[in-house]
Amino acid sequence: MPRPTRRAALAALALALVAGAAACGAGDDGDAAPGSGSAPAAGDAAFPVTIEHKYGSTTIAAPPERVVSVGFGDQDPILALGVVPVGVRDWYGDQPQATWPWAHDLLEGAKPEVLSADELNVEAVAALRPDLIVGVSSGMTKDEYESLSALAPTLAQSGDVIDYGMPWQDGTRMIGRALGREAEADRLIAGVEERFARVRADVPGLKGAEATVSYVMDETQIGAYGPTTCGAGC
């Protein structure tokens, strides 16, 4: 399946995470000043931090200050954790700063550079002078990873799932560790899961139910995602 068609499935993941995370209040003392477009990630973990992923491991030596999000929707957990990226990957829907309404207030007036959805443009990322590149939901290839990691520490998805299939809980924890905000990530995840639990309790008929995301690409293409299409957690 071409890369752009996968973005529709990610909408459900981002909405589930950020709707809860933003409501929990993502700001803390490490937030960026309004309009700065970046945020020092002074958090709850000591650095350096080493994170395992599909292409090996990445070590972040110090709290990152210029975070670039190249995953489709990775800006949502980054913003929910109180960090404003300097660049975000476009998704779909022609949203301001490629950021959907549930997370727009978390930009605090900043205007991150919007990177193309069509290809992973290494030169455009380099121009943003990142000190952390987040591509948990990017589906990046090994060649792309090597090019990006030559610029700055780069996060790819886990090797335990298919491309674009990182469970939102695991992706959020990975990003939280990289930002020095792992405890905050755990709190955000717990808050969202608690909301899910309340809905299940209120609507017993949901027990055991499965969902399908269906969409129309154009006049000749339709698509659908089932419970196992993009890995555990979709």
C-alpha atoms as a PDB file:
ATOM      1  CA  MET A   1       0.000   0.000   0.000  1.00  0.00           C
ATOM      2  CA  PRO A   2       1.465   3.433  -0.847  1.00  0.00           C
ATOM      3  CA  ARG A   3       2.707   5.426   2.113  1.00  0.00           C
ATOM      4  CA  PRO A   4       0.125   8.247   1.982  1.00  0.00           C
ATOM      5  CA  THR A   5      -2.830   5.843   2.257  1.00  0.00           C
ATOM      6  CA  ARG A   6      -1.704   4.745   5.713  1.00  0.00           C
ATOM      7  CA  ARG A   7      -2.283   8.178   7.196  1.00  0.00           C
ATOM      8  CA  ALA A   8      -6.023   7.676   7.485  1.00  0.00           C
ATOM      9  CA  ALA A   9      -5.517   4.847   9.968  1.00  0.00           C
ATOM     10  CA  LEU A  10      -3.303   7.009  12.132  1.00  0.00           C
ATOM     11  CA  ALA A  11      -6.130   9.495  12.729  1.00  0.00           C
ATOM     12  CA  ALA A  12      -7.784   7.129  15.177  1.00  0.00           C
ATOM     13  CA  LEU A  13      -4.546   6.685  17.105  1.00  0.00           C
ATOM     14  CA  ALA A  14      -3.738  10.372  17.360  1.00  0.00           C
ATOM     15  CA  LEU A  15      -7.276  11.288  18.349  1.00  0.00           C
ATOM     16  CA  ALA A  16      -7.345   8.653  21.082  1.00  0.00           C
ATOM     17  CA  LEU A  17      -4.056   9.826  22.553  1.00  0.00           C
ATOM     18  CA  VAL A  18      -4.243  13.582  22.264  1.00  0.00           C
ATOM     19  CA  ALA A  19      -7.890  14.064  23.155  1.00  0.00           C
ATOM     20  CA  GLY A  20      -7.060  12.583  26.540  1.00  0.00           C
ATOM     21  CA  ALA A  21      -3.536  13.895  26.874  1.00  0.00           C
ATOM     22  CA  ALA A  22      -4.364  17.505  26.091  1.00  0.00           C
ATOM     23  CA  ALA A  23      -7.222  17.408  28.572  1.00  0.00           C
ATOM     24  CA  CYS A  24      -4.778  16.296  31.253  1.00  0.00           C
ATOM     25  CA  GLY A  25      -2.762  19.504  30.772  1.00  0.00           C
ATOM     26  CA  ALA A  26       0.558  18.947  29.046  1.00  0.00           C
ATOM     27  CA  GLY A  27       2.355  22.105  30.121  1.00  0.00           C
ATOM     28  CA  ASP A  28       5.163  22.189  32.671  1.00  0.00           C
ATOM     29  CA  ASP A  29       8.250  24.210  33.456  1.00  0.00           C
ATOM     30  CA  GLY A  30       9.985  22.951  30.313  1.00  0.00           C
ATOM     31  CA  ASP A  31       7.463  24.399  27.866  1.00  0.00           C
ATOM     32  CA  ALA A  32       8.543  26.782  25.145  1.00  0.00           C
ATOM     33  CA  ALA A  33       7.715  30.438  25.296  1.00  0.00           C
ATOM     34  CA  PRO A  34       4.817  31.244  22.949  1.00  0.00           C
ATOM     35  CA  GLY A  35       5.977  31.546  19.365  1.00  0.00           C
ATOM     36  CA  SER A  36       9.441  30.111  19.985  1.00  0.00           C
ATOM     37  CA  GLY A  37       8.814  26.951  17.976  1.00  0.00           C
ATOM     38  CA  SER A  38      11.066  24.893  20.250  1.00  0.00           C
ATOM     39  CA  ALA A  39      11.155  23.701  23.820  1.00  0.00           C
ATOM     40  CA  PRO A  40      13.901  22.508  26.128  1.00  0.00           C
ATOM     41  CA  ALA A  41      12.843  19.126  27.416  1.00  0.00           C
ATOM     42  CA  ALA A  42      13.852  19.505  31.054  1.00  0.00           C
ATOM     43  CA  GLY A  43      12.087  16.463  32.350  1.00  0.00           C
ATOM     44  CA  ASP A  44      11.952  13.618  34.788  1.00  0.00           C
ATOM     45  CA  ALA A  45      14.764  11.354  33.486  1.00  0.00           C
ATOM     46  CA  ALA A  46      18.526  11.569  33.631  1.00  0.00           C
ATOM     47  CA  PHE A  47      20.535  11.837  30.437  1.00  0.00           C
ATOM     48  CA  PRO A  48      22.084  10.243  28.476  1.00  0.00           C
ATOM     49  CA  VAL A  49      19.174   7.990  27.473  1.00  0.00           C
ATOM     50  CA  THR A  50      19.548   5.038  25.095  1.00  0.00           C
ATOM     51  CA  ILE A  51      16.472   3.750  23.247  1.00  0.00           C
ATOM     52  CA  GLU A  52      16.261   0.504  21.271  1.00  0.00           C
ATOM     53  CA  HIS A  53      14.325   0.433  17.983  1.00  0.00           C
ATOM     54  CA  LYS A  54      14.034  -1.246  14.578  1.00  0.00           C
ATOM     55  CA  TYR A  55      17.421  -0.098  13.329  1.00  0.00           C
ATOM     56  CA  GLY A  56      19.463  -0.549  16.505  1.00  0.00           C
ATOM     57  CA  SER A  57      19.664   1.993  19.293  1.00  0.00           C
ATOM     58  CA  THR A  58      19.757   5.755  19.691  1.00  0.00           C
ATOM     59  CA  THR A  59      21.459   7.653  22.506  1.00  0.00           C
ATOM     60  CA  ILE A  60      20.261  11.137  23.426  1.00  0.00           C
ATOM     61  CA  ALA A  61      23.044  12.812  25.386  1.00  0.00           C
ATOM     62  CA  ALA A  62      21.147  15.802  26.785  1.00  0.00           C
ATOM     63  CA  PRO A  63      17.599  17.180  26.932  1.00  0.00           C
ATOM     64  CA  PRO A  64      16.686  18.035  23.314  1.00  0.00           C
ATOM     65  CA  GLU A  65      15.775  21.610  22.459  1.00  0.00           C
ATOM     66  CA  ARG A  66      15.098  21.394  18.709  1.00  0.00           C
ATOM     67  CA  VAL A  67      12.802  18.455  18.039  1.00  0.00           C
ATOM     68  CA  VAL A  68      11.710  17.596  14.502  1.00  0.00           C
ATOM     69  CA  SER A  69       8.758  15.238  14.061  1.00  0.00           C
ATOM     70  CA  VAL A  70       8.897  13.273  10.796  1.00  0.00           C
ATOM     71  CA  GLY A  71       6.257  10.689  11.723  1.00  0.00           C
ATOM     72  CA  PHE A  72       2.651  11.016  10.638  1.00  0.00           C
ATOM     73  CA  GLY A  73       1.094  12.318  13.844  1.00  0.00           C
ATOM     74  CA  ASP A  74       4.149  12.041  16.112  1.00  0.00           C
ATOM     75  CA  GLN A  75       3.771  15.742  16.890  1.00  0.00           C
ATOM     76  CA  ASP A  76       0.679  14.896  18.948  1.00  0.00           C
ATOM     77  CA  PRO A  77       2.444  13.048  21.802  1.00  0.00           C
ATOM     78  CA  ILE A  78       5.376  15.481  21.555  1.00  0.00           C
ATOM     79  CA  LEU A  79       3.022  18.418  22.084  1.00  0.00           C
ATOM     80  CA  ALA A  80       1.021  16.581  24.748  1.00  0.00           C
ATOM     81  CA  LEU A  81       4.268  16.139  26.668  1.00  0.00           C
ATOM     82  CA  GLY A  82       4.806  19.904  26.682  1.00  0.00           C
ATOM     83  CA  VAL A  83       7.414  20.201  23.905  1.00  0.00           C
ATOM     84  CA  VAL A  84       6.856  22.343  20.807  1.00  0.00           C
ATOM     85  CA  PRO A  85       8.691  20.875  17.793  1.00  0.00           C
ATOM     86  CA  VAL A  86      10.519  23.097  15.329  1.00  0.00           C
ATOM     87  CA  GLY A  87       9.273  20.975  12.422  1.00  0.00           C
ATOM     88  CA  VAL A  88       6.355  18.594  11.819  1.00  0.00           C
ATOM     89  CA  ARG A  89       5.515  16.235   8.970  1.00  0.00           C
ATOM     90  CA  ASP A  90       2.377  17.038   7.008  1.00  0.00           C
ATOM     91  CA  TRP A  91      -0.416  14.546   7.317  1.00  0.00           C
ATOM     92  CA  TYR A  92      -3.630  15.380   5.467  1.00  0.00           C
ATOM     93  CA  GLY A  93      -6.550  17.752   5.817  1.00  0.00           C
ATOM     94  CA  ASP A  94      -4.658  21.020   5.239  1.00  0.00           C
ATOM     95  CA  GLN A  95      -4.426  21.820   8.956  1.00  0.00           C
ATOM     96  CA  PRO A  96      -2.489  24.872  10.243  1.00  0.00           C
ATOM     97  CA  GLN A  97       1.105  23.813  11.002  1.00  0.00           C
ATOM     98  CA  ALA A  98      -0.029  20.269  10.068  1.00  0.00           C
ATOM     99  CA  THR A  99      -1.529  20.083  13.572  1.00  0.00           C
ATOM    100  CA  TRP A 100      -5.131  19.074  14.165  1.00  0.00           C
ATOM    101  CA  PRO A 101      -7.528  21.052  16.376  1.00  0.00           C
ATOM    102  CA  TRP A 102      -7.137  18.817  19.438  1.00  0.00           C
ATOM    103  CA  ALA A 103      -3.455  19.810  19.740  1.00  0.00           C
ATOM    104  CA  HIS A 104      -3.407  23.273  18.199  1.00  0.00           C
ATOM    105  CA  ASP A 105      -3.514  25.170  21.488  1.00  0.00           C
ATOM    106  CA  LEU A 106      -0.427  23.257  22.598  1.00  0.00           C
ATOM    107  CA  LEU A 107       1.602  25.033  19.910  1.00  0.00           C
ATOM    108  CA  GLU A 108       1.350  28.129  22.135  1.00  0.00           C
ATOM    109  CA  GLY A 109       1.442  30.388  19.090  1.00  0.00           C
ATOM    110  CA  ALA A 110       4.543  28.764  17.565  1.00  0.00           C
ATOM    111  CA  LYS A 111       4.643  27.939  13.862  1.00  0.00           C
ATOM    112  CA  PRO A 112       6.758  24.859  13.238  1.00  0.00           C
ATOM    113  CA  GLU A 113       8.092  24.290   9.736  1.00  0.00           C
ATOM    114  CA  VAL A 114       5.794  21.924   7.852  1.00  0.00           C
ATOM    115  CA  LEU A 115       7.596  19.085   6.072  1.00  0.00           C
ATOM    116  CA  SER A 116       6.168  17.361   3.005  1.00  0.00           C
ATOM    117  CA  ALA A 117       4.058  14.234   3.417  1.00  0.00           C
ATOM    118  CA  ASP A 118       5.124  12.871   0.048  1.00  0.00           C
ATOM    119  CA  GLU A 119       8.716  12.060   0.859  1.00  0.00           C
ATOM    120  CA  LEU A 120      11.082  12.249   3.781  1.00  0.00           C
ATOM    121  CA  ASN A 121      13.146  15.284   2.824  1.00  0.00           C
ATOM    122  CA  VAL A 122      16.475  14.965   4.608  1.00  0.00           C
ATOM    123  CA  GLU A 123      17.702  18.361   3.402  1.00  0.00           C
ATOM    124  CA  ALA A 124      14.622  20.095   4.816  1.00  0.00           C
ATOM    125  CA  VAL A 125      15.131  18.339   8.153  1.00  0.00           C
ATOM    126  CA  ALA A 126      18.811  19.322   8.196  1.00  0.00           C
ATOM    127  CA  ALA A 127      17.895  22.982   7.666  1.00  0.00           C
ATOM    128  CA  LEU A 128      15.995  22.925  10.973  1.00  0.00           C
ATOM    129  CA  ARG A 129      19.180  22.036  12.916  1.00  0.00           C
ATOM    130  CA  PRO A 130      17.506  19.318  15.012  1.00  0.00           C
ATOM    131  CA  ASP A 131      18.970  17.755  18.109  1.00  0.00           C
ATOM    132  CA  LEU A 132      16.290  15.028  18.086  1.00  0.00           C
ATOM    133  CA  ILE A 133      14.353  13.556  15.144  1.00  0.00           C
ATOM    134  CA  VAL A 134      11.197  11.595  15.979  1.00  0.00           C
ATOM    135  CA  GLY A 135       9.959   9.144  13.344  1.00  0.00           C
ATOM    136  CA  VAL A 136       8.059   6.548  15.345  1.00  0.00           C
ATOM    137  CA  SER A 137       5.109   6.697  12.912  1.00  0.00           C
ATOM    138  CA  SER A 138       7.082   7.513   9.770  1.00  0.00           C
ATOM    139  CA  GLY A 139       7.654   4.076   8.249  1.00  0.00           C
ATOM    140  CA  MET A 140      11.210   5.226   7.525  1.00  0.00           C
ATOM    141  CA  THR A 141      13.532   2.876   5.649  1.00  0.00           C
ATOM    142  CA  LYS A 142      16.981   1.895   6.871  1.00  0.00           C
ATOM    143  CA  ASP A 143      18.565   4.259   4.320  1.00  0.00           C
ATOM    144  CA  GLU A 144      16.348   7.106   5.538  1.00  0.00           C
ATOM    145  CA  TYR A 145      17.223   6.294   9.135  1.00  0.00           C
ATOM    146  CA  GLU A 146      20.938   6.360   8.392  1.00  0.00           C
ATOM    147  CA  SER A 147      20.628   9.709   6.587  1.00  0.00           C
ATOM    148  CA  LEU A 148      18.616  11.249   9.421  1.00  0.00           C
ATOM    149  CA  SER A 149      20.742   9.823  12.217  1.00  0.00           C
ATOM    150  CA  ALA A 150      23.771  11.465  10.601  1.00  0.00           C
ATOM    151  CA  LEU A 151      22.058  14.775  11.417  1.00  0.00           C
ATOM    152  CA  ALA A 152      20.850  14.087  14.966  1.00  0.00           C
ATOM    153  CA  PRO A 153      19.707  11.253  17.250  1.00  0.00           C
ATOM    154  CA  THR A 154      16.763   9.664  15.463  1.00  0.00           C
ATOM    155  CA  LEU A 155      13.906   7.505  16.780  1.00  0.00           C
ATOM    156  CA  ALA A 156      12.472   4.796  14.542  1.00  0.00           C
ATOM    157  CA  GLN A 157       9.668   2.435  15.460  1.00  0.00           C
ATOM    158  CA  SER A 158      10.122  -0.846  17.260  1.00  0.00           C
ATOM    159  CA  GLY A 159      11.181  -3.824  15.194  1.00  0.00           C
ATOM    160  CA  ASP A 160       8.443  -5.922  16.825  1.00  0.00           C
ATOM    161  CA  VAL A 161       5.618  -4.480  14.704  1.00  0.00           C
ATOM    162  CA  ILE A 162       4.944  -3.716  11.053  1.00  0.00           C
ATOM    163  CA  ASP A 163       5.563  -0.253   9.597  1.00  0.00           C
ATOM    164  CA  TYR A 164       3.154   2.321  11.049  1.00  0.00           C
ATOM    165  CA  GLY A 165       2.071  -0.320  13.582  1.00  0.00           C
ATOM    166  CA  MET A 166       3.624   0.953  16.813  1.00  0.00           C
ATOM    167  CA  PRO A 167       0.993   0.808  19.571  1.00  0.00           C
ATOM    168  CA  TRP A 168       0.253   4.334  20.742  1.00  0.00           C
ATOM    169  CA  GLN A 169       1.204   3.473  24.315  1.00  0.00           C
ATOM    170  CA  ASP A 170       4.646   2.206  23.272  1.00  0.00           C
ATOM    171  CA  GLY A 171       5.236   5.096  20.900  1.00  0.00           C
ATOM    172  CA  THR A 172       4.316   7.615  23.569  1.00  0.00           C
ATOM    173  CA  ARG A 173       6.613   5.994  26.112  1.00  0.00           C
ATOM    174  CA  MET A 174       9.475   5.932  23.600  1.00  0.00           C
ATOM    175  CA  ILE A 175       9.004   9.625  22.835  1.00  0.00           C
ATOM    176  CA  GLY A 176       8.640  10.412  26.528  1.00  0.00           C
ATOM    177  CA  ARG A 177      11.973   8.727  27.297  1.00  0.00           C
ATOM    178  CA  ALA A 178      13.700  10.627  24.502  1.00  0.00           C
ATOM    179  CA  LEU A 179      12.371  13.922  25.862  1.00  0.00           C
ATOM    180  CA  GLY A 180      13.244  13.100  29.467  1.00  0.00           C
ATOM    181  CA  ARG A 181       9.533  12.929  30.309  1.00  0.00           C
ATOM    182  CA  GLU A 182       8.864   9.233  30.730  1.00  0.00           C
ATOM    183  CA  ALA A 183       6.897   9.619  33.960  1.00  0.00           C
ATOM    184  CA  GLU A 184       4.696  12.256  32.319  1.00  0.00           C
ATOM    185  CA  ALA A 185       4.160   9.921  29.341  1.00  0.00           C
ATOM    186  CA  ASP A 186       3.012   7.195  31.730  1.00  0.00           C
ATOM    187  CA  ARG A 187       0.584   9.623  33.349  1.00  0.00           C
ATOM    188  CA  LEU A 188      -0.848  10.655  29.968  1.00  0.00           C
ATOM    189  CA  ILE A 189      -1.274   7.037  28.883  1.00  0.00           C
ATOM    190  CA  ALA A 190      -2.970   6.142  32.173  1.00  0.00           C
ATOM    191  CA  GLY A 191      -5.351   9.071  31.744  1.00  0.00           C
ATOM    192  CA  VAL A 192      -6.380   8.028  28.231  1.00  0.00           C
ATOM    193  CA  GLU A 193      -6.776   4.383  29.221  1.00  0.00           C
ATOM    194  CA  GLU A 194      -8.922   5.454  32.167  1.00  0.00           C
ATOM    195  CA  ARG A 195     -11.197   7.332  29.765  1.00  0.00           C
ATOM    196  CA  PHE A 196     -11.466   4.233  27.591  1.00  0.00           C
ATOM    197  CA  ALA A 197     -12.328   2.181  30.672  1.00  0.00           C
ATOM    198  CA  ARG A 198     -15.104   4.611  31.618  1.00  0.00           C
ATOM    199  CA  VAL A 199     -16.587   4.378  28.131  1.00  0.00           C
ATOM    200  CA  ARG A 200     -16.471   0.578  28.233  1.00  0.00           C
ATOM    201  CA  ALA A 201     -18.220   0.630  31.598  1.00  0.00           C
ATOM    202  CA  ASP A 202     -20.865   3.054  30.329  1.00  0.00           C
ATOM    203  CA  VAL A 203     -21.450   1.117  27.096  1.00  0.00           C
ATOM    204  CA  PRO A 204     -21.251  -2.611  27.922  1.00  0.00           C
ATOM    205  CA  GLY A 205     -22.116  -3.493  24.315  1.00  0.00           C
ATOM    206  CA  LEU A 206     -18.604  -2.468  23.279  1.00  0.00           C
ATOM    207  CA  LYS A 207     -17.092  -5.483  25.032  1.00  0.00           C
ATOM    208  CA  GLY A 208     -15.456  -7.726  22.445  1.00  0.00           C
ATOM    209  CA  ALA A 209     -16.382  -5.391  19.586  1.00  0.00           C
ATOM    210  CA  GLU A 210     -13.977  -4.686  16.735  1.00  0.00           C
ATOM    211  CA  ALA A 211     -13.756  -1.593  14.564  1.00  0.00           C
ATOM    212  CA  THR A 212     -12.912  -0.941  10.931  1.00  0.00           C
ATOM    213  CA  VAL A 213     -11.705   2.379   9.521  1.00  0.00           C
ATOM    214  CA  SER A 214     -12.962   2.811   5.941  1.00  0.00           C
ATOM    215  CA  TYR A 215     -12.111   5.687   3.631  1.00  0.00           C
ATOM    216  CA  VAL A 216     -12.225   6.901   0.034  1.00  0.00           C
ATOM    217  CA  MET A 217      -8.923   7.900  -1.560  1.00  0.00           C
ATOM    218  CA  ASP A 218     -10.286   9.136  -4.893  1.00  0.00           C
ATOM    219  CA  GLU A 219     -12.812   8.125  -7.556  1.00  0.00           C
ATOM    220  CA  THR A 220     -11.046   4.811  -8.158  1.00  0.00           C
ATOM    221  CA  GLN A 221      -9.615   3.808  -4.772  1.00  0.00           C
ATOM    222  CA  ILE A 222     -11.165   2.859  -1.472  1.00  0.00           C
ATOM    223  CA  GLY A 223      -9.502   1.351   1.551  1.00  0.00           C
ATOM    224  CA  ALA A 224     -10.193  -0.178   4.942  1.00  0.00           C
ATOM    225  CA  TYR A 225      -8.239  -1.014   8.082  1.00  0.00           C
ATOM    226  CA  GLY A 226      -9.272  -3.790  10.436  1.00  0.00           C
ATOM    227  CA  PRO A 227      -8.179  -4.646  13.981  1.00  0.00           C
ATOM    228  CA  THR A 228      -4.890  -6.212  12.883  1.00  0.00           C
ATOM    229  CA  THR A 229      -4.050  -4.190   9.771  1.00  0.00           C
ATOM    230  CA  CYS A 230      -1.531  -1.871  11.397  1.00  0.00           C
ATOM    231  CA  GLY A 231      -0.437  -3.897  14.374  1.00  0.00           C
ATOM    232  CA  ALA A 232      -1.368  -4.112  18.020  1.00  0.00           C
ATOM    233  CA  GLY A 233      -2.957  -0.995  19.393  1.00  0.00           C
ATOM    234  CA  CYS A 234      -4.606   0.182  16.154  1.00  0.00           C
END
